[in-house]
Amino acid sequence: MFTHGSAGTLDVSVTQLFVGAAERSLEWWHFIFRRYQES
């Protein structure tokens, strides 16, 4: 029971980390795309 609970918590933190990284890379792509359009 305890192992399953901590594994679920680990899953959530990993998911949050992944979502955060995805959002950050999206922001980078928007920034690069805008710079590319300006030139």
PDB file of N, CA and C in Angstrom:
ATOM      1  N   MET A   1       0.833  -1.201   0.000  1.00  0.00           N
ATOM      2  CA  MET A   1       0.000   0.000   0.000  1.00  0.00           C
ATOM      3  C   MET A   1       0.875   1.263   0.000  1.00  0.00           C
ATOM      4  N   PHE A   2       1.848   1.302   0.915  1.00  0.00           N
ATOM      5  CA  PHE A   2       2.702   2.487   1.033  1.00  0.00           C
ATOM      6  C   PHE A   2       3.539   2.693  -0.235  1.00  0.00           C
ATOM      7  N   THR A   3       4.076   1.588  -0.763  1.00  0.00           N
ATOM      8  CA  THR A   3       4.899   1.708  -1.974  1.00  0.00           C
ATOM      9  C   THR A   3       4.059   2.243  -3.123  1.00  0.00           C
ATOM     10  N   HIS A   4       2.827   1.768  -3.234  1.00  0.00           N
ATOM     11  CA  HIS A   4       1.952   2.223  -4.314  1.00  0.00           C
ATOM     12  C   HIS A   4       1.680   3.715  -4.165  1.00  0.00           C
ATOM     13  N   GLY A   5       1.467   4.157  -2.929  1.00  0.00           N
ATOM     14  CA  GLY A   5       1.195   5.580  -2.691  1.00  0.00           C
ATOM     15  C   GLY A   5       2.372   6.452  -3.085  1.00  0.00           C
ATOM     16  N   SER A   6       3.578   6.070  -2.671  1.00  0.00           N
ATOM     17  CA  SER A   6       4.756   6.882  -3.009  1.00  0.00           C
ATOM     18  C   SER A   6       5.034   6.819  -4.506  1.00  0.00           C
ATOM     19  N   ALA A   7       4.755   5.676  -5.124  1.00  0.00           N
ATOM     20  CA  ALA A   7       4.951   5.557  -6.571  1.00  0.00           C
ATOM     21  C   ALA A   7       3.991   6.506  -7.290  1.00  0.00           C
ATOM     22  N   GLY A   8       2.762   6.617  -6.794  1.00  0.00           N
ATOM     23  CA  GLY A   8       1.797   7.531  -7.394  1.00  0.00           C
ATOM     24  C   GLY A   8       2.260   8.967  -7.261  1.00  0.00           C
ATOM     25  N   THR A   9       2.835   9.315  -6.098  1.00  0.00           N
ATOM     26  CA  THR A   9       3.342  10.671  -5.887  1.00  0.00           C
ATOM     27  C   THR A   9       4.492  10.951  -6.839  1.00  0.00           C
ATOM     28  N   LEU A  10       5.356   9.972  -7.013  1.00  0.00           N
ATOM     29  CA  LEU A  10       6.492  10.127  -7.927  1.00  0.00           C
ATOM     30  C   LEU A  10       5.968  10.338  -9.343  1.00  0.00           C
ATOM     31  N   ASP A  11       4.961   9.567  -9.716  1.00  0.00           N
ATOM     32  CA  ASP A  11       4.346   9.696 -11.032  1.00  0.00           C
ATOM     33  C   ASP A  11       3.856  11.120 -11.259  1.00  0.00           C
ATOM     34  N   VAL A  12       3.172  11.676 -10.261  1.00  0.00           N
ATOM     35  CA  VAL A  12       2.606  13.023 -10.377  1.00  0.00           C
ATOM     36  C   VAL A  12       3.709  14.052 -10.553  1.00  0.00           C
ATOM     37  N   SER A  13       4.773  13.937  -9.756  1.00  0.00           N
ATOM     38  CA  SER A  13       5.856  14.932  -9.853  1.00  0.00           C
ATOM     39  C   SER A  13       6.557  14.827 -11.195  1.00  0.00           C
ATOM     40  N   VAL A  14       6.749  13.609 -11.685  1.00  0.00           N
ATOM     41  CA  VAL A  14       7.390  13.428 -12.990  1.00  0.00           C
ATOM     42  C   VAL A  14       6.505  14.019 -14.083  1.00  0.00           C
ATOM     43  N   THR A  15       5.193  13.798 -13.973  1.00  0.00           N
ATOM     44  CA  THR A  15       4.261  14.346 -14.958  1.00  0.00           C
ATOM     45  C   THR A  15       4.304  15.872 -14.946  1.00  0.00           C
ATOM     46  N   GLN A  16       4.304  16.462 -13.736  1.00  0.00           N
ATOM     47  CA  GLN A  16       4.368  17.928 -13.627  1.00  0.00           C
ATOM     48  C   GLN A  16       5.657  18.454 -14.234  1.00  0.00           C
ATOM     49  N   LEU A  17       6.766  17.734 -13.999  1.00  0.00           N
ATOM     50  CA  LEU A  17       8.054  18.142 -14.553  1.00  0.00           C
ATOM     51  C   LEU A  17       7.993  18.105 -16.071  1.00  0.00           C
ATOM     52  N   PHE A  18       7.406  17.040 -16.613  1.00  0.00           N
ATOM     53  CA  PHE A  18       7.311  16.879 -18.063  1.00  0.00           C
ATOM     54  C   PHE A  18       6.434  17.959 -18.677  1.00  0.00           C
ATOM     55  N   VAL A  19       5.300  18.241 -18.030  1.00  0.00           N
ATOM     56  CA  VAL A  19       4.404  19.287 -18.523  1.00  0.00           C
ATOM     57  C   VAL A  19       5.103  20.646 -18.497  1.00  0.00           C
ATOM     58  N   GLY A  20       5.850  20.907 -17.429  1.00  0.00           N
ATOM     59  CA  GLY A  20       6.576  22.168 -17.322  1.00  0.00           C
ATOM     60  C   GLY A  20       7.602  22.300 -18.435  1.00  0.00           C
ATOM     61  N   ALA A  21       8.309  21.205 -18.722  1.00  0.00           N
ATOM     62  CA  ALA A  21       9.318  21.229 -19.780  1.00  0.00           C
ATOM     63  C   ALA A  21       8.654  21.439 -21.140  1.00  0.00           C
ATOM     64  N   ALA A  22       7.506  20.816 -21.356  1.00  0.00           N
ATOM     65  CA  ALA A  22       6.794  20.968 -22.623  1.00  0.00           C
ATOM     66  C   ALA A  22       6.350  22.419 -22.813  1.00  0.00           C
ATOM     67  N   GLU A  23       5.817  23.019 -21.740  1.00  0.00           N
ATOM     68  CA  GLU A  23       5.393  24.423 -21.833  1.00  0.00           C
ATOM     69  C   GLU A  23       6.576  25.332 -22.131  1.00  0.00           C
ATOM     70  N   ARG A  24       7.715  25.062 -21.488  1.00  0.00           N
ATOM     71  CA  ARG A  24       8.892  25.898 -21.695  1.00  0.00           C
ATOM     72  C   ARG A  24       9.388  25.780 -23.131  1.00  0.00           C
ATOM     73  N   SER A  25       9.403  24.549 -23.679  1.00  0.00           N
ATOM     74  CA  SER A  25       9.872  24.376 -25.057  1.00  0.00           C
ATOM     75  C   SER A  25       8.903  25.041 -26.035  1.00  0.00           C
ATOM     76  N   LEU A  26       7.595  25.030 -25.711  1.00  0.00           N
ATOM     77  CA  LEU A  26       6.632  25.715 -26.571  1.00  0.00           C
ATOM     78  C   LEU A  26       6.922  27.210 -26.599  1.00  0.00           C
ATOM     79  N   GLU A  27       7.219  27.764 -25.412  1.00  0.00           N
ATOM     80  CA  GLU A  27       7.552  29.191 -25.354  1.00  0.00           C
ATOM     81  C   GLU A  27       8.774  29.474 -26.207  1.00  0.00           C
ATOM     82  N   TRP A  28       9.788  28.591 -26.165  1.00  0.00           N
ATOM     83  CA  TRP A  28      10.996  28.765 -26.964  1.00  0.00           C
ATOM     84  C   TRP A  28      10.655  28.746 -28.442  1.00  0.00           C
ATOM     85  N   TRP A  29       9.793  27.808 -28.854  1.00  0.00           N
ATOM     86  CA  TRP A  29       9.431  27.720 -30.274  1.00  0.00           C
ATOM     87  C   TRP A  29       8.716  28.984 -30.731  1.00  0.00           C
ATOM     88  N   HIS A  30       7.824  29.529 -29.887  1.00  0.00           N
ATOM     89  CA  HIS A  30       7.135  30.778 -30.237  1.00  0.00           C
ATOM     90  C   HIS A  30       8.141  31.913 -30.403  1.00  0.00           C
ATOM     91  N   PHE A  31       9.120  31.981 -29.480  1.00  0.00           N
ATOM     92  CA  PHE A  31      10.141  33.023 -29.515  1.00  0.00           C
ATOM     93  C   PHE A  31      10.974  32.913 -30.784  1.00  0.00           C
ATOM     94  N   ILE A  32      11.441  31.705 -31.100  1.00  0.00           N
ATOM     95  CA  ILE A  32      12.268  31.489 -32.299  1.00  0.00           C
ATOM     96  C   ILE A  32      11.453  31.806 -33.557  1.00  0.00           C
ATOM     97  N   PHE A  33      10.200  31.373 -33.578  1.00  0.00           N
ATOM     98  CA  PHE A  33       9.350  31.603 -34.749  1.00  0.00           C
ATOM     99  C   PHE A  33       9.143  33.094 -34.987  1.00  0.00           C
ATOM    100  N   ARG A  34       8.926  33.854 -33.897  1.00  0.00           N
ATOM    101  CA  ARG A  34       8.730  35.291 -34.030  1.00  0.00           C
ATOM    102  C   ARG A  34       9.995  35.958 -34.558  1.00  0.00           C
ATOM    103  N   ARG A  35      11.150  35.559 -34.016  1.00  0.00           N
ATOM    104  CA  ARG A  35      12.418  36.127 -34.470  1.00  0.00           C
ATOM    105  C   ARG A  35      12.626  35.823 -35.957  1.00  0.00           C
ATOM    106  N   TYR A  36      12.252  34.615 -36.358  1.00  0.00           N
ATOM    107  CA  TYR A  36      12.414  34.191 -37.753  1.00  0.00           C
ATOM    108  C   TYR A  36      11.501  35.005 -38.672  1.00  0.00           C
ATOM    109  N   GLN A  37      10.288  35.291 -38.215  1.00  0.00           N
ATOM    110  CA  GLN A  37       9.349  36.068 -39.032  1.00  0.00           C
ATOM    111  C   GLN A  37       9.824  37.510 -39.198  1.00  0.00           C
ATOM    112  N   GLU A  38      10.427  38.076 -38.141  1.00  0.00           N
ATOM    113  CA  GLU A  38      10.856  39.473 -38.193  1.00  0.00           C
ATOM    114  C   GLU A  38      11.957  39.702 -39.227  1.00  0.00           C
ATOM    115  N   SER A  39      12.868  38.738 -39.363  1.00  0.00           N
ATOM    116  CA  SER A  39      14.006  38.942 -40.256  1.00  0.00           C
ATOM    117  C   SER A  39      13.628  38.804 -41.730  1.00  0.00           C
TER     118      SER A  39
END
